[in-house]
Amino acid sequence: MTPSPDAPRPPDRFRPGPITQGERLWRNGLFVLSALMAGLAMVDFDAGRFAHGLGDVGVAFLMLSLLGQFPFLRAMVAAGARDAPAKAREDLLREAERLRLANPWAARLSHAGWVLLLASLALRLTGAD
């Protein structure tokens, strides 16, 4: 069943905008740093430092979850300008919601990263490492 041309369209939430040079640098940097943290986790696991390895994996997950957040960061900086209009807060909330819908994996990865970091901290505090 096809919708009628007069029916309201859902928000265009999956069409990405143009990728800027800053966004490309942001994404590449976070990807390289997350790969480095994953490598450090492997070294820690091999050396028997389980708590440190969990923390490194958690940090890698958090970095990967930030890959799609550059447009929101750019909107935050623009809203912080002195001459920003009063509707900047609403624009930020709309941009955050758009990014959340476009990248549903980012929230899950972020939650997993925080859980791993907390588990790492708990293991370190109990001396299990």
Protein backbone atom coordinates (compact mmCIF):
# COMPACT_ATOMS: atom_id res chain seq x y z
CA MET A 1 0.00 0.00 0.00
CA THR A 2 1.55 3.30 -1.06
CA PRO A 3 0.89 6.49 0.86
CA SER A 4 -1.01 9.25 -0.84
CA PRO A 5 1.00 12.26 -2.02
CA ASP A 6 -0.92 14.49 0.41
CA ALA A 7 -0.15 12.34 3.46
CA PRO A 8 2.28 13.85 5.96
CA ARG A 9 5.79 12.60 5.47
CA PRO A 10 7.84 11.23 8.32
CA PRO A 11 10.82 13.35 9.30
CA ASP A 12 13.80 12.92 7.03
CA ARG A 13 16.00 11.49 9.74
CA PHE A 14 18.38 9.25 7.87
CA ARG A 15 19.66 11.59 5.19
CA PRO A 16 23.13 12.67 6.27
CA GLY A 17 24.33 16.14 5.47
CA PRO A 18 27.58 16.86 3.71
CA ILE A 19 30.63 15.67 5.60
CA THR A 20 32.92 18.57 6.44
CA GLN A 21 36.69 18.40 6.78
CA GLY A 22 36.37 18.85 10.55
CA GLU A 23 33.90 15.98 10.79
CA ARG A 24 36.18 13.75 8.73
CA LEU A 25 39.10 14.60 11.04
CA TRP A 26 36.90 14.02 14.13
CA ARG A 27 35.72 10.63 12.90
CA ASN A 28 39.14 9.43 11.75
CA GLY A 29 40.77 10.53 15.01
CA LEU A 30 38.19 8.77 17.15
CA PHE A 31 38.39 5.65 15.01
CA VAL A 32 42.19 5.50 15.29
CA LEU A 33 42.09 6.15 19.05
CA SER A 34 39.43 3.47 19.54
CA ALA A 35 41.54 0.99 17.57
CA LEU A 36 44.52 1.90 19.75
CA MET A 37 42.46 1.33 22.90
CA ALA A 38 41.25 -2.03 21.55
CA GLY A 39 44.88 -2.99 20.92
CA LEU A 40 45.84 -1.96 24.44
CA ALA A 41 42.95 -4.05 25.76
CA MET A 42 44.28 -7.08 23.94
CA VAL A 43 47.73 -6.52 25.46
CA ASP A 44 46.18 -6.17 28.92
CA PHE A 45 44.11 -9.33 28.51
CA ASP A 46 47.18 -11.23 27.32
CA ALA A 47 49.17 -9.98 30.31
CA GLY A 48 46.43 -11.13 32.69
CA ARG A 49 45.25 -7.62 33.58
CA PHE A 50 41.54 -8.29 33.09
CA ALA A 51 40.27 -5.14 34.81
CA HIS A 52 42.54 -2.89 32.77
CA GLY A 53 41.47 -4.66 29.59
CA LEU A 54 37.80 -4.14 30.42
CA GLY A 55 38.43 -0.45 30.99
CA ASP A 56 40.27 -0.13 27.68
CA VAL A 57 37.43 -1.85 25.82
CA GLY A 58 34.97 0.49 27.56
CA VAL A 59 36.92 3.55 26.41
CA ALA A 60 37.10 2.16 22.87
CA PHE A 61 33.32 1.69 22.88
CA LEU A 62 32.78 5.25 24.12
CA MET A 63 35.02 6.65 21.39
CA LEU A 64 33.20 4.67 18.73
CA SER A 65 29.86 5.91 20.05
CA LEU A 66 31.02 9.50 19.46
CA LEU A 67 31.73 8.99 15.75
CA GLY A 68 28.40 10.42 14.60
CA GLN A 69 28.21 13.29 17.08
CA PHE A 70 30.19 15.96 15.21
CA PRO A 71 27.10 17.74 13.79
CA PHE A 72 25.73 18.07 17.33
CA LEU A 73 29.06 19.45 18.56
CA ARG A 74 29.04 21.97 15.72
CA ALA A 75 25.47 23.00 16.66
CA MET A 76 26.51 23.40 20.32
CA VAL A 77 29.39 25.68 19.36
CA ALA A 78 27.12 27.74 17.13
CA ALA A 79 24.52 28.04 19.91
CA GLY A 80 27.19 29.22 22.30
CA ALA A 81 28.06 32.21 20.14
CA ARG A 82 27.15 35.61 21.60
CA ASP A 83 24.81 36.48 18.77
CA ALA A 84 23.00 33.12 18.79
CA PRO A 85 19.21 33.44 18.59
CA ALA A 86 16.98 32.49 21.52
CA LYS A 87 15.71 29.40 19.67
CA ALA A 88 19.19 27.84 19.77
CA ARG A 89 18.19 25.47 22.60
CA GLU A 90 15.29 24.07 20.59
CA ASP A 91 17.56 23.67 17.57
CA LEU A 92 20.06 21.77 19.71
CA LEU A 93 17.38 19.45 21.04
CA ARG A 94 16.13 18.80 17.51
CA GLU A 95 19.67 18.09 16.29
CA ALA A 96 20.30 15.73 19.22
CA GLU A 97 17.07 13.85 18.48
CA ARG A 98 17.92 13.64 14.77
CA LEU A 99 21.35 12.21 15.54
CA ARG A 100 19.87 9.75 18.06
CA LEU A 101 17.44 8.47 15.44
CA ALA A 102 20.08 8.32 12.72
CA ASN A 103 22.58 6.44 14.92
CA PRO A 104 20.64 4.07 17.21
CA TRP A 105 23.75 1.98 17.75
CA ALA A 106 25.61 4.89 19.38
CA ALA A 107 23.48 4.87 22.55
CA ARG A 108 23.86 1.11 23.00
CA LEU A 109 27.60 1.28 22.45
CA SER A 110 27.89 4.18 24.88
CA HIS A 111 25.94 2.30 27.55
CA ALA A 112 28.10 -0.78 27.06
CA GLY A 113 31.23 1.36 27.34
CA TRP A 114 30.10 2.88 30.63
CA VAL A 115 29.17 -0.55 32.02
CA LEU A 116 32.60 -1.91 31.11
CA LEU A 117 34.34 1.09 32.67
CA LEU A 118 32.35 0.69 35.89
CA ALA A 119 33.08 -3.05 35.95
CA SER A 120 36.75 -2.28 35.48
CA LEU A 121 36.67 0.21 38.35
CA ALA A 122 34.87 -2.27 40.61
CA LEU A 123 37.43 -4.98 39.83
CA ARG A 124 40.30 -2.60 40.48
CA LEU A 125 38.81 -1.46 43.80
CA THR A 126 38.41 -5.06 44.97
CA GLY A 127 41.96 -5.87 43.95
CA ALA A 128 40.88 -8.58 41.49
CA ASP A 129 43.31 -7.40 38.86
